[in-house]
């Protein structure tokens, strides 16, 4: 009879904290749809940018033989130089890899990815606005997209709660 009382006392005196696995499950936050869309957008853009970078890098010698009219601002010696397309290809690869890293980490709700994407979106918004003011209507798409991305990540309550 005494042994049963000790067991009962031990059960009653167990700490009331939750097991680690329960804490991990509860800590896992639900990703808002807007963040999923922005992350997917960044990943798709990254994939396309990487493909363009690979094409420009791999076929730099072939691309340099194609006559491209950049206007009078660029001498043909520079435009027809295979190193130009090699440099452009590497730049696209770097930008694509950065966008891929940002898209994946935004999906994982990393605060630093959100901050970097907001900064990039604001800079892109400013450049698109400048281009639009100079009469380049092609910047309208970038202006809208980057404005939505920055606005959502800065002002959305769902986004703000997800990154807490």
N, C-alpha and C. Protein backbone atom coordinates (compact mmCIF):
# COMPACT_ATOMS: atom_id res chain seq x y z
N UNK A 1 0.82 -1.19 0.00
CA UNK A 1 0.00 0.00 0.00
C UNK A 1 0.87 1.26 0.00
N UNK A 2 1.95 1.24 0.71
CA UNK A 2 2.86 2.37 0.79
C UNK A 2 3.49 2.63 -0.57
N UNK A 3 3.83 1.60 -1.29
CA UNK A 3 4.46 1.75 -2.60
C UNK A 3 3.54 2.46 -3.58
N UNK A 4 2.27 2.22 -3.52
CA UNK A 4 1.33 2.87 -4.42
C UNK A 4 1.26 4.37 -4.15
N UNK A 5 1.32 4.79 -2.92
CA UNK A 5 1.26 6.21 -2.59
C UNK A 5 2.49 6.94 -3.13
N UNK A 6 3.65 6.32 -3.07
CA UNK A 6 4.86 6.94 -3.60
C UNK A 6 4.76 7.12 -5.11
N UNK A 7 4.22 6.16 -5.79
CA UNK A 7 4.05 6.25 -7.23
C UNK A 7 3.09 7.37 -7.57
N UNK A 8 2.00 7.45 -6.86
CA UNK A 8 1.01 8.49 -7.08
C UNK A 8 1.64 9.85 -6.82
N UNK A 9 2.41 9.98 -5.78
CA UNK A 9 3.05 11.26 -5.48
C UNK A 9 4.02 11.65 -6.59
N UNK A 10 4.79 10.69 -7.11
CA UNK A 10 5.74 10.98 -8.17
C UNK A 10 5.02 11.45 -9.42
N UNK A 11 3.90 10.86 -9.75
CA UNK A 11 3.14 11.26 -10.93
C UNK A 11 2.60 12.67 -10.74
N UNK A 12 2.13 12.97 -9.56
CA UNK A 12 1.58 14.30 -9.30
C UNK A 12 2.66 15.38 -9.30
N UNK A 13 3.89 15.03 -8.97
CA UNK A 13 4.94 16.03 -8.87
C UNK A 13 5.76 16.17 -10.15
N UNK A 14 5.35 15.51 -11.22
CA UNK A 14 6.07 15.68 -12.48
C UNK A 14 5.95 17.13 -12.95
N UNK A 15 6.99 17.64 -13.57
CA UNK A 15 6.91 19.03 -14.06
C UNK A 15 5.80 19.18 -15.12
N UNK A 16 5.21 20.32 -15.15
CA UNK A 16 4.09 20.55 -16.05
C UNK A 16 4.55 21.17 -17.38
N UNK A 17 5.79 20.95 -17.74
CA UNK A 17 6.28 21.44 -19.04
C UNK A 17 5.96 20.41 -20.11
N UNK A 18 5.86 20.90 -21.32
CA UNK A 18 5.54 20.03 -22.44
C UNK A 18 6.81 19.38 -22.97
N UNK A 19 6.69 18.16 -23.48
CA UNK A 19 7.87 17.53 -24.08
C UNK A 19 8.40 18.36 -25.26
N UNK A 20 9.68 18.18 -25.57
CA UNK A 20 10.32 18.96 -26.64
C UNK A 20 9.63 18.77 -27.98
N UNK A 21 9.19 17.56 -28.27
CA UNK A 21 8.56 17.30 -29.57
C UNK A 21 7.26 18.08 -29.70
N UNK A 22 6.51 18.19 -28.61
CA UNK A 22 5.26 18.95 -28.64
C UNK A 22 5.57 20.43 -28.85
N UNK A 23 6.61 20.91 -28.20
CA UNK A 23 7.00 22.32 -28.37
C UNK A 23 7.40 22.60 -29.81
N UNK A 24 8.13 21.66 -30.42
CA UNK A 24 8.55 21.85 -31.81
C UNK A 24 7.34 21.89 -32.74
N UNK A 25 6.39 21.01 -32.52
CA UNK A 25 5.20 20.98 -33.37
C UNK A 25 4.40 22.26 -33.20
N UNK A 26 4.25 22.72 -31.97
CA UNK A 26 3.50 23.95 -31.72
C UNK A 26 4.26 25.16 -32.25
N UNK A 27 5.58 25.10 -32.22
CA UNK A 27 6.40 26.23 -32.67
C UNK A 27 6.38 26.38 -34.18
N UNK A 28 6.08 25.29 -34.88
CA UNK A 28 6.05 25.35 -36.33
C UNK A 28 4.90 26.26 -36.76
N UNK A 29 5.27 27.35 -37.41
CA UNK A 29 4.27 28.34 -37.78
C UNK A 29 3.68 28.04 -39.14
N UNK A 30 2.46 28.45 -39.30
CA UNK A 30 1.82 28.30 -40.59
C UNK A 30 2.30 29.43 -41.50
N UNK A 31 2.67 29.06 -42.71
CA UNK A 31 3.19 30.05 -43.66
C UNK A 31 2.00 30.70 -44.37
N UNK A 32 1.88 32.03 -44.27
CA UNK A 32 0.79 32.71 -44.97
C UNK A 32 0.90 32.55 -46.48
N UNK A 33 -0.24 32.56 -47.15
CA UNK A 33 -0.30 32.36 -48.60
C UNK A 33 0.54 33.40 -49.34
N UNK A 34 0.50 34.65 -48.89
CA UNK A 34 1.27 35.71 -49.54
C UNK A 34 2.76 35.43 -49.53
N UNK A 35 3.27 34.89 -48.42
CA UNK A 35 4.69 34.56 -48.33
C UNK A 35 5.00 33.37 -49.24
N UNK A 36 4.08 32.42 -49.33
CA UNK A 36 4.28 31.29 -50.24
C UNK A 36 4.35 31.77 -51.69
N UNK A 37 3.49 32.71 -52.04
CA UNK A 37 3.47 33.24 -53.41
C UNK A 37 4.76 34.00 -53.72
N UNK A 38 5.20 34.85 -52.79
CA UNK A 38 6.42 35.63 -53.00
C UNK A 38 7.63 34.70 -53.08
N UNK A 39 7.68 33.69 -52.21
CA UNK A 39 8.78 32.73 -52.23
C UNK A 39 8.82 31.98 -53.56
N UNK A 40 7.65 31.53 -54.00
CA UNK A 40 7.57 30.81 -55.27
C UNK A 40 7.99 31.71 -56.42
N UNK A 41 7.56 32.96 -56.40
CA UNK A 41 7.96 33.93 -57.42
C UNK A 41 9.49 34.06 -57.47
N UNK A 42 10.11 34.21 -56.30
CA UNK A 42 11.56 34.35 -56.24
C UNK A 42 12.27 33.09 -56.75
N UNK A 43 11.73 31.92 -56.42
CA UNK A 43 12.34 30.67 -56.86
C UNK A 43 12.22 30.51 -58.37
N UNK A 44 11.06 30.85 -58.94
CA UNK A 44 10.87 30.76 -60.39
C UNK A 44 11.78 31.74 -61.12
N UNK A 45 11.82 32.98 -60.64
CA UNK A 45 12.71 33.98 -61.25
C UNK A 45 14.17 33.53 -61.13
N UNK A 46 14.53 32.93 -60.00
CA UNK A 46 15.89 32.44 -59.81
C UNK A 46 16.21 31.35 -60.83
N UNK A 47 15.28 30.43 -61.02
CA UNK A 47 15.52 29.34 -61.98
C UNK A 47 15.73 29.89 -63.39
N UNK A 48 14.88 30.82 -63.80
CA UNK A 48 15.01 31.42 -65.13
C UNK A 48 16.32 32.20 -65.26
N UNK A 49 16.68 32.93 -64.23
CA UNK A 49 17.92 33.71 -64.25
C UNK A 49 19.14 32.79 -64.33
N UNK A 50 19.12 31.69 -63.60
CA UNK A 50 20.22 30.73 -63.64
C UNK A 50 20.32 30.11 -65.03
N UNK A 51 19.19 29.78 -65.63
CA UNK A 51 19.21 29.22 -66.99
C UNK A 51 19.82 30.21 -67.98
N UNK A 52 19.40 31.47 -67.90
CA UNK A 52 19.95 32.50 -68.79
C UNK A 52 21.46 32.65 -68.53
N UNK A 53 21.86 32.63 -67.27
CA UNK A 53 23.28 32.74 -66.93
C UNK A 53 24.09 31.59 -67.48
N UNK A 54 23.53 30.38 -67.38
CA UNK A 54 24.24 29.21 -67.94
C UNK A 54 24.37 29.31 -69.45
N UNK A 55 23.29 29.72 -70.11
CA UNK A 55 23.34 29.87 -71.58
C UNK A 55 24.38 30.91 -71.98
N UNK A 56 24.36 32.05 -71.31
CA UNK A 56 25.31 33.12 -71.64
C UNK A 56 26.75 32.69 -71.36
N UNK A 57 26.95 31.93 -70.29
CA UNK A 57 28.30 31.49 -69.93
C UNK A 57 28.80 30.40 -70.88
N UNK A 58 27.97 29.40 -71.12
CA UNK A 58 28.38 28.27 -71.95
C UNK A 58 28.57 28.69 -73.41
N UNK A 59 27.67 29.52 -73.91
CA UNK A 59 27.72 29.91 -75.32
C UNK A 59 28.27 31.31 -75.52
N UNK A 60 29.15 31.77 -74.64
CA UNK A 60 29.67 33.14 -74.73
C UNK A 60 30.40 33.40 -76.04
N UNK A 61 31.17 32.43 -76.52
CA UNK A 61 31.90 32.62 -77.78
C UNK A 61 30.94 32.70 -78.96
N UNK A 62 29.92 31.85 -78.95
CA UNK A 62 28.93 31.86 -80.05
C UNK A 62 28.12 33.15 -80.02
N UNK A 63 27.72 33.57 -78.82
CA UNK A 63 26.90 34.78 -78.71
C UNK A 63 27.68 36.03 -79.13
N UNK A 64 28.98 36.01 -78.94
CA UNK A 64 29.78 37.18 -79.30
C UNK A 64 29.88 37.37 -80.81
N UNK A 65 29.63 36.32 -81.56
CA UNK A 65 29.69 36.45 -83.02
C UNK A 65 28.39 37.00 -83.60
N UNK A 66 27.33 36.96 -82.81
CA UNK A 66 26.04 37.49 -83.27
C UNK A 66 26.12 39.01 -83.21
N UNK A 67 25.70 39.65 -84.27
CA UNK A 67 25.73 41.11 -84.29
C UNK A 67 24.55 41.64 -83.49
N UNK A 68 24.87 42.39 -82.46
CA UNK A 68 23.84 43.01 -81.63
C UNK A 68 24.05 44.51 -81.69
N UNK A 69 22.98 45.22 -81.95
CA UNK A 69 23.07 46.67 -82.04
C UNK A 69 22.71 47.27 -80.68
N UNK A 70 23.71 47.69 -79.94
CA UNK A 70 23.49 48.36 -78.67
C UNK A 70 23.46 49.88 -78.84
N UNK A 71 23.46 50.33 -80.06
CA UNK A 71 23.49 51.76 -80.31
C UNK A 71 24.91 52.25 -80.41
N UNK A 72 25.07 53.54 -80.43
CA UNK A 72 26.39 54.13 -80.60
C UNK A 72 27.18 54.19 -79.30
N UNK A 73 26.55 53.86 -78.19
CA UNK A 73 27.24 53.96 -76.91
C UNK A 73 28.28 52.87 -76.69
N UNK A 74 28.13 51.74 -77.38
CA UNK A 74 29.03 50.61 -77.18
C UNK A 74 29.80 50.31 -78.47
N UNK A 75 31.13 50.39 -78.42
CA UNK A 75 31.92 50.01 -79.59
C UNK A 75 31.75 48.52 -79.89
N UNK A 76 31.78 48.17 -81.18
CA UNK A 76 31.59 46.78 -81.58
C UNK A 76 32.68 45.87 -81.02
N UNK A 77 33.87 46.40 -80.76
CA UNK A 77 34.94 45.59 -80.20
C UNK A 77 34.55 45.04 -78.82
N UNK A 78 33.83 45.85 -78.06
CA UNK A 78 33.40 45.42 -76.74
C UNK A 78 32.23 44.46 -76.84
N UNK A 79 31.26 44.78 -77.67
CA UNK A 79 30.06 43.96 -77.82
C UNK A 79 30.39 42.59 -78.37
N UNK A 80 31.33 42.51 -79.27
CA UNK A 80 31.69 41.24 -79.89
C UNK A 80 32.74 40.45 -79.11
N UNK A 81 33.13 40.94 -77.96
CA UNK A 81 34.11 40.25 -77.13
C UNK A 81 33.42 39.12 -76.36
N UNK A 82 33.91 37.87 -76.50
CA UNK A 82 33.29 36.75 -75.79
C UNK A 82 33.32 36.91 -74.26
N UNK A 83 34.30 37.65 -73.76
CA UNK A 83 34.38 37.86 -72.32
C UNK A 83 33.20 38.65 -71.78
N UNK A 84 32.62 39.50 -72.61
CA UNK A 84 31.45 40.27 -72.18
C UNK A 84 30.31 39.33 -71.82
N UNK A 85 30.01 38.36 -72.67
CA UNK A 85 28.92 37.42 -72.40
C UNK A 85 29.28 36.48 -71.25
N UNK A 86 30.55 36.20 -71.09
CA UNK A 86 30.99 35.38 -69.97
C UNK A 86 30.73 36.11 -68.65
N UNK A 87 31.07 37.39 -68.62
CA UNK A 87 30.84 38.21 -67.42
C UNK A 87 29.35 38.36 -67.16
N UNK A 88 28.58 38.62 -68.21
CA UNK A 88 27.13 38.75 -68.07
C UNK A 88 26.54 37.43 -67.56
N UNK A 89 27.02 36.31 -68.09
CA UNK A 89 26.54 35.00 -67.66
C UNK A 89 26.81 34.76 -66.18
N UNK A 90 28.02 35.07 -65.74
CA UNK A 90 28.35 34.89 -64.33
C UNK A 90 27.51 35.81 -63.45
N UNK A 91 27.27 37.04 -63.91
CA UNK A 91 26.43 37.96 -63.13
C UNK A 91 25.02 37.40 -62.99
N UNK A 92 24.47 36.86 -64.07
CA UNK A 92 23.14 36.25 -64.00
C UNK A 92 23.13 35.05 -63.06
N UNK A 93 24.18 34.24 -63.11
CA UNK A 93 24.27 33.09 -62.21
C UNK A 93 24.27 33.52 -60.74
N UNK A 94 25.04 34.54 -60.43
CA UNK A 94 25.11 35.03 -59.05
C UNK A 94 23.76 35.57 -58.60
N UNK A 95 23.14 36.39 -59.45
CA UNK A 95 21.82 36.94 -59.10
C UNK A 95 20.79 35.81 -58.93
N UNK A 96 20.85 34.82 -59.80
CA UNK A 96 19.92 33.69 -59.71
C UNK A 96 20.11 32.90 -58.43
N UNK A 97 21.34 32.65 -58.06
CA UNK A 97 21.62 31.90 -56.84
C UNK A 97 21.17 32.69 -55.61
N UNK A 98 21.42 33.99 -55.60
CA UNK A 98 20.97 34.84 -54.49
C UNK A 98 19.44 34.81 -54.38
N UNK A 99 18.75 34.94 -55.52
CA UNK A 99 17.29 34.89 -55.50
C UNK A 99 16.78 33.54 -55.02
N UNK A 100 17.44 32.47 -55.41
CA UNK A 100 17.05 31.13 -54.97
C UNK A 100 17.20 31.00 -53.46
N UNK A 101 18.31 31.45 -52.93
CA UNK A 101 18.56 31.41 -51.49
C UNK A 101 17.50 32.25 -50.76
N UNK A 102 17.20 33.43 -51.29
CA UNK A 102 16.20 34.29 -50.66
C UNK A 102 14.81 33.64 -50.68
N UNK A 103 14.43 33.09 -51.82
CA UNK A 103 13.11 32.47 -51.94
C UNK A 103 12.94 31.30 -50.99
N UNK A 104 13.95 30.45 -50.90
CA UNK A 104 13.89 29.29 -50.01
C UNK A 104 13.83 29.73 -48.55
N UNK A 105 14.65 30.70 -48.19
CA UNK A 105 14.69 31.13 -46.79
C UNK A 105 13.50 31.98 -46.40
N UNK A 106 12.88 32.65 -47.35
CA UNK A 106 11.63 33.35 -47.04
C UNK A 106 10.55 32.32 -46.73
N UNK A 107 10.53 31.22 -47.49
CA UNK A 107 9.58 30.13 -47.24
C UNK A 107 9.79 29.56 -45.82
N UNK A 108 11.05 29.53 -45.39
CA UNK A 108 11.37 29.02 -44.06
C UNK A 108 11.16 30.08 -42.98
N UNK A 109 10.64 31.22 -43.36
CA UNK A 109 10.32 32.33 -42.46
C UNK A 109 11.56 32.88 -41.73
N UNK A 110 12.66 33.00 -42.46
CA UNK A 110 13.87 33.60 -41.91
C UNK A 110 13.73 35.12 -41.99
N UNK A 111 13.94 35.78 -40.86
CA UNK A 111 13.77 37.24 -40.81
C UNK A 111 14.74 37.97 -41.74
N UNK A 112 15.97 37.47 -41.82
CA UNK A 112 16.97 38.14 -42.65
C UNK A 112 16.55 38.11 -44.12
N UNK A 113 15.92 37.01 -44.56
CA UNK A 113 15.48 36.92 -45.96
C UNK A 113 14.38 37.95 -46.23
N UNK A 114 13.49 38.11 -45.28
CA UNK A 114 12.43 39.11 -45.41
C UNK A 114 13.02 40.51 -45.55
N UNK A 115 13.99 40.83 -44.71
CA UNK A 115 14.61 42.16 -44.73
C UNK A 115 15.31 42.40 -46.07
N UNK A 116 16.07 41.42 -46.53
CA UNK A 116 16.79 41.57 -47.80
C UNK A 116 15.81 41.71 -48.97
N UNK A 117 14.75 40.92 -48.97
CA UNK A 117 13.77 41.00 -50.05
C UNK A 117 13.06 42.35 -50.03
N UNK A 118 12.75 42.85 -48.86
CA UNK A 118 12.12 44.18 -48.77
C UNK A 118 13.07 45.25 -49.32
N UNK A 119 14.34 45.18 -48.97
CA UNK A 119 15.32 46.15 -49.47
C UNK A 119 15.43 46.06 -50.99
N UNK A 120 15.55 44.82 -51.52
CA UNK A 120 15.62 44.64 -52.97
C UNK A 120 14.35 45.15 -53.65
N UNK A 121 13.20 44.88 -53.06
CA UNK A 121 11.93 45.30 -53.65
C UNK A 121 11.82 46.83 -53.69
N UNK A 122 12.26 47.48 -52.63
CA UNK A 122 12.20 48.96 -52.59
C UNK A 122 13.15 49.55 -53.63
N UNK A 123 14.37 49.01 -53.72
CA UNK A 123 15.32 49.50 -54.73
C UNK A 123 14.77 49.28 -56.13
N UNK A 124 14.22 48.10 -56.40
CA UNK A 124 13.64 47.79 -57.72
C UNK A 124 12.45 48.69 -58.00
N UNK A 125 11.66 48.97 -56.98
CA UNK A 125 10.50 49.86 -57.13
C UNK A 125 10.97 51.25 -57.55
N UNK A 126 12.02 51.74 -56.91
CA UNK A 126 12.54 53.08 -57.23
C UNK A 126 13.05 53.13 -58.67
N UNK A 127 13.82 52.10 -59.06
CA UNK A 127 14.33 52.05 -60.44
C UNK A 127 13.20 51.94 -61.45
N UNK A 128 12.18 51.14 -61.14
CA UNK A 128 11.05 51.00 -62.05
C UNK A 128 10.29 52.31 -62.16
N UNK A 129 10.14 53.01 -61.04
CA UNK A 129 9.45 54.30 -61.05
C UNK A 129 10.23 55.32 -61.87
N UNK A 130 11.55 55.33 -61.70
CA UNK A 130 12.41 56.23 -62.47
C UNK A 130 12.28 55.94 -63.97
N UNK A 131 12.32 54.66 -64.33
CA UNK A 131 12.16 54.28 -65.73
C UNK A 131 10.80 54.65 -66.28
N UNK A 132 9.78 54.51 -65.46
CA UNK A 132 8.43 54.87 -65.88
C UNK A 132 8.32 56.38 -66.13
N UNK A 133 8.98 57.15 -65.29
CA UNK A 133 8.98 58.60 -65.45
C UNK A 133 9.74 59.03 -66.71
N UNK A 134 10.68 58.18 -67.15
CA UNK A 134 11.42 58.47 -68.38
C UNK A 134 10.69 57.95 -69.62
N UNK A 135 9.49 57.43 -69.42
CA UNK A 135 8.67 56.99 -70.54
C UNK A 135 8.81 55.53 -70.91
N UNK A 136 9.46 54.76 -70.10
CA UNK A 136 9.64 53.33 -70.37
C UNK A 136 8.49 52.55 -69.72
N UNK A 137 7.46 52.31 -70.50
CA UNK A 137 6.27 51.66 -69.97
C UNK A 137 6.52 50.21 -69.54
N UNK A 138 7.60 49.62 -70.01
CA UNK A 138 7.91 48.25 -69.63
C UNK A 138 8.20 48.13 -68.13
N UNK A 139 8.49 49.22 -67.47
CA UNK A 139 8.76 49.22 -66.04
C UNK A 139 7.50 49.16 -65.18
N UNK A 140 6.35 49.28 -65.81
CA UNK A 140 5.09 49.26 -65.06
C UNK A 140 4.90 47.93 -64.34
N UNK A 141 5.21 46.82 -65.01
CA UNK A 141 5.08 45.50 -64.41
C UNK A 141 5.96 45.39 -63.16
N UNK A 142 7.23 45.79 -63.28
CA UNK A 142 8.15 45.74 -62.15
C UNK A 142 7.70 46.64 -61.01
N UNK A 143 7.18 47.79 -61.35
CA UNK A 143 6.69 48.73 -60.35
C UNK A 143 5.56 48.10 -59.53
N UNK A 144 4.63 47.47 -60.21
CA UNK A 144 3.49 46.84 -59.54
C UNK A 144 3.94 45.66 -58.69
N UNK A 145 4.71 44.76 -59.29
CA UNK A 145 5.15 43.55 -58.57
C UNK A 145 5.99 43.90 -57.34
N UNK A 146 6.98 44.75 -57.52
CA UNK A 146 7.86 45.10 -56.40
C UNK A 146 7.11 45.89 -55.33
N UNK A 147 6.16 46.72 -55.74
CA UNK A 147 5.34 47.45 -54.78
C UNK A 147 4.48 46.50 -53.95
N UNK A 148 3.92 45.50 -54.59
CA UNK A 148 3.10 44.51 -53.87
C UNK A 148 3.98 43.71 -52.90
N UNK A 149 5.14 43.28 -53.36
CA UNK A 149 6.04 42.49 -52.49
C UNK A 149 6.45 43.30 -51.27
N UNK A 150 6.95 44.51 -51.49
CA UNK A 150 7.40 45.34 -50.36
C UNK A 150 6.22 45.67 -49.44
N UNK A 151 5.11 46.05 -50.03
CA UNK A 151 3.93 46.41 -49.23
C UNK A 151 3.44 45.25 -48.38
N UNK A 152 3.38 44.07 -48.97
CA UNK A 152 2.90 42.91 -48.22
C UNK A 152 3.85 42.55 -47.08
N UNK A 153 5.15 42.49 -47.38
CA UNK A 153 6.10 42.08 -46.34
C UNK A 153 6.27 43.12 -45.24
N UNK A 154 5.97 44.38 -45.54
CA UNK A 154 6.10 45.43 -44.52
C UNK A 154 4.81 45.61 -43.73
N UNK A 155 3.66 45.66 -44.41
CA UNK A 155 2.42 46.09 -43.77
C UNK A 155 1.42 44.98 -43.43
N UNK A 156 1.59 43.80 -43.97
CA UNK A 156 0.62 42.73 -43.73
C UNK A 156 0.74 42.19 -42.30
N UNK A 157 -0.40 42.11 -41.62
CA UNK A 157 -0.40 41.56 -40.26
C UNK A 157 -0.03 40.08 -40.26
N UNK A 158 -0.49 39.37 -41.30
CA UNK A 158 -0.17 37.94 -41.39
C UNK A 158 1.34 37.75 -41.56
N UNK A 159 1.94 38.56 -42.40
CA UNK A 159 3.39 38.47 -42.62
C UNK A 159 4.14 38.84 -41.35
N UNK A 160 3.72 39.91 -40.71
CA UNK A 160 4.40 40.33 -39.48
C UNK A 160 4.29 39.27 -38.39
N UNK A 161 3.13 38.65 -38.25
CA UNK A 161 2.95 37.60 -37.24
C UNK A 161 3.78 36.35 -37.58
N UNK A 162 3.92 36.05 -38.84
CA UNK A 162 4.68 34.86 -39.24
C UNK A 162 6.15 34.98 -38.89
N UNK A 163 6.68 36.19 -38.88
CA UNK A 163 8.10 36.38 -38.63
C UNK A 163 8.40 36.70 -37.16
N UNK A 164 7.42 36.60 -36.29
CA UNK A 164 7.66 36.86 -34.85
C UNK A 164 8.20 35.63 -34.18
